[in-house]
């Protein structure tokens, strides 16, 4: 499956579960996460990759900065990984 298709499925899932989300297309920061969302007041950044996808140093940097700032930043390769995250956050209600 292509990265774009994985992103689409993730966004559809987030929409169904009440998460505000934005798909980054062009930003003023190279290496910014592909999908940024807010769920239950939490900032979540998702870098989407295929099974063979490689994370760049710049993407790793942004992920570390988001985590350091108190957000959640993940590199995901499937909608199932996002489902697991969202379900774990639902359980904290």
Protein backbone atom coordinates (compact mmCIF):
# COMPACT_ATOMS: atom_id res chain seq x y z
CA UNK A 1 0.00 0.00 0.00
CA UNK A 2 1.24 3.49 -0.83
CA UNK A 3 1.92 6.08 1.87
CA UNK A 4 -0.87 8.29 0.53
CA UNK A 5 -3.38 5.42 0.90
CA UNK A 6 -2.27 4.73 4.48
CA UNK A 7 -2.64 8.44 5.29
CA UNK A 8 -6.16 8.47 3.85
CA UNK A 9 -7.23 5.50 5.98
CA UNK A 10 -5.70 7.10 9.08
CA UNK A 11 -7.49 10.39 8.47
CA UNK A 12 -10.81 8.59 7.90
CA UNK A 13 -10.32 6.70 11.17
CA UNK A 14 -9.45 9.87 13.08
CA UNK A 15 -12.53 11.64 11.67
CA UNK A 16 -14.79 8.75 12.74
CA UNK A 17 -13.38 8.97 16.27
CA UNK A 18 -13.79 12.69 16.81
CA UNK A 19 -10.16 13.74 16.44
CA UNK A 20 -9.47 17.12 14.90
CA UNK A 21 -6.80 16.50 12.26
CA UNK A 22 -4.83 18.19 9.52
CA UNK A 23 -2.93 16.55 6.69
CA UNK A 24 0.30 18.44 6.09
CA UNK A 25 0.78 19.04 2.40
CA UNK A 26 3.27 21.86 2.22
CA UNK A 27 4.61 23.50 5.33
CA UNK A 28 7.24 26.07 6.14
CA UNK A 29 9.18 23.34 7.98
CA UNK A 30 10.76 20.46 6.12
CA UNK A 31 10.38 17.19 7.99
CA UNK A 32 7.07 18.15 9.60
CA UNK A 33 4.77 15.21 10.43
CA UNK A 34 2.27 14.05 7.78
CA UNK A 35 -0.79 14.19 10.04
CA UNK A 36 -1.29 16.44 13.04
CA UNK A 37 -4.29 15.94 15.28
CA UNK A 38 -5.83 16.73 18.62
CA UNK A 39 -7.65 14.02 20.54
CA UNK A 40 -8.95 14.51 24.09
CA UNK A 41 -6.85 17.65 24.36
CA UNK A 42 -3.64 15.87 23.38
CA UNK A 43 -1.38 17.01 20.54
CA UNK A 44 -0.54 14.04 18.31
CA UNK A 45 1.82 14.07 15.34
CA UNK A 46 2.00 11.13 12.95
CA UNK A 47 4.74 10.50 10.43
CA UNK A 48 3.33 7.94 8.02
CA UNK A 49 5.63 5.48 6.26
CA UNK A 50 5.20 2.36 4.17
CA UNK A 51 6.78 -0.88 5.37
CA UNK A 52 9.91 0.03 3.37
CA UNK A 53 9.78 3.75 4.18
CA UNK A 54 12.77 5.41 5.81
CA UNK A 55 12.56 8.18 8.40
CA UNK A 56 14.86 11.11 7.69
CA UNK A 57 17.09 12.73 10.31
CA UNK A 58 14.94 15.87 10.07
CA UNK A 59 11.77 13.86 10.71
CA UNK A 60 13.43 12.23 13.73
CA UNK A 61 14.41 15.68 14.99
CA UNK A 62 10.83 16.99 14.76
CA UNK A 63 9.52 13.86 16.49
CA UNK A 64 11.93 14.37 19.41
CA UNK A 65 11.03 18.07 19.68
CA UNK A 66 7.30 17.31 19.80
CA UNK A 67 7.83 14.72 22.53
CA UNK A 68 10.08 17.12 24.44
CA UNK A 69 7.27 19.71 24.25
CA UNK A 70 4.77 17.29 25.79
CA UNK A 71 3.08 16.03 22.62
CA UNK A 72 2.75 12.53 21.24
CA UNK A 73 4.78 11.81 18.10
CA UNK A 74 4.78 8.47 16.34
CA UNK A 75 6.04 6.94 13.16
CA UNK A 76 3.26 4.69 11.91
CA UNK A 77 3.02 2.20 9.08
CA UNK A 78 -0.64 1.27 9.38
CA UNK A 79 -4.01 2.48 10.56
CA UNK A 80 -3.91 -0.31 13.16
CA UNK A 81 -1.07 1.46 14.98
CA UNK A 82 -3.17 4.64 15.12
CA UNK A 83 -6.21 2.66 16.30
CA UNK A 84 -4.13 1.19 19.14
CA UNK A 85 -3.05 4.68 20.22
CA UNK A 86 -6.55 6.17 20.08
CA UNK A 87 -8.07 3.19 21.89
CA UNK A 88 -5.46 3.48 24.66
CA UNK A 89 -6.34 7.16 25.04
CA UNK A 90 -10.08 6.37 25.14
CA UNK A 91 -9.43 4.00 28.02
CA UNK A 92 -8.06 6.91 30.06
CA UNK A 93 -11.48 8.58 30.26
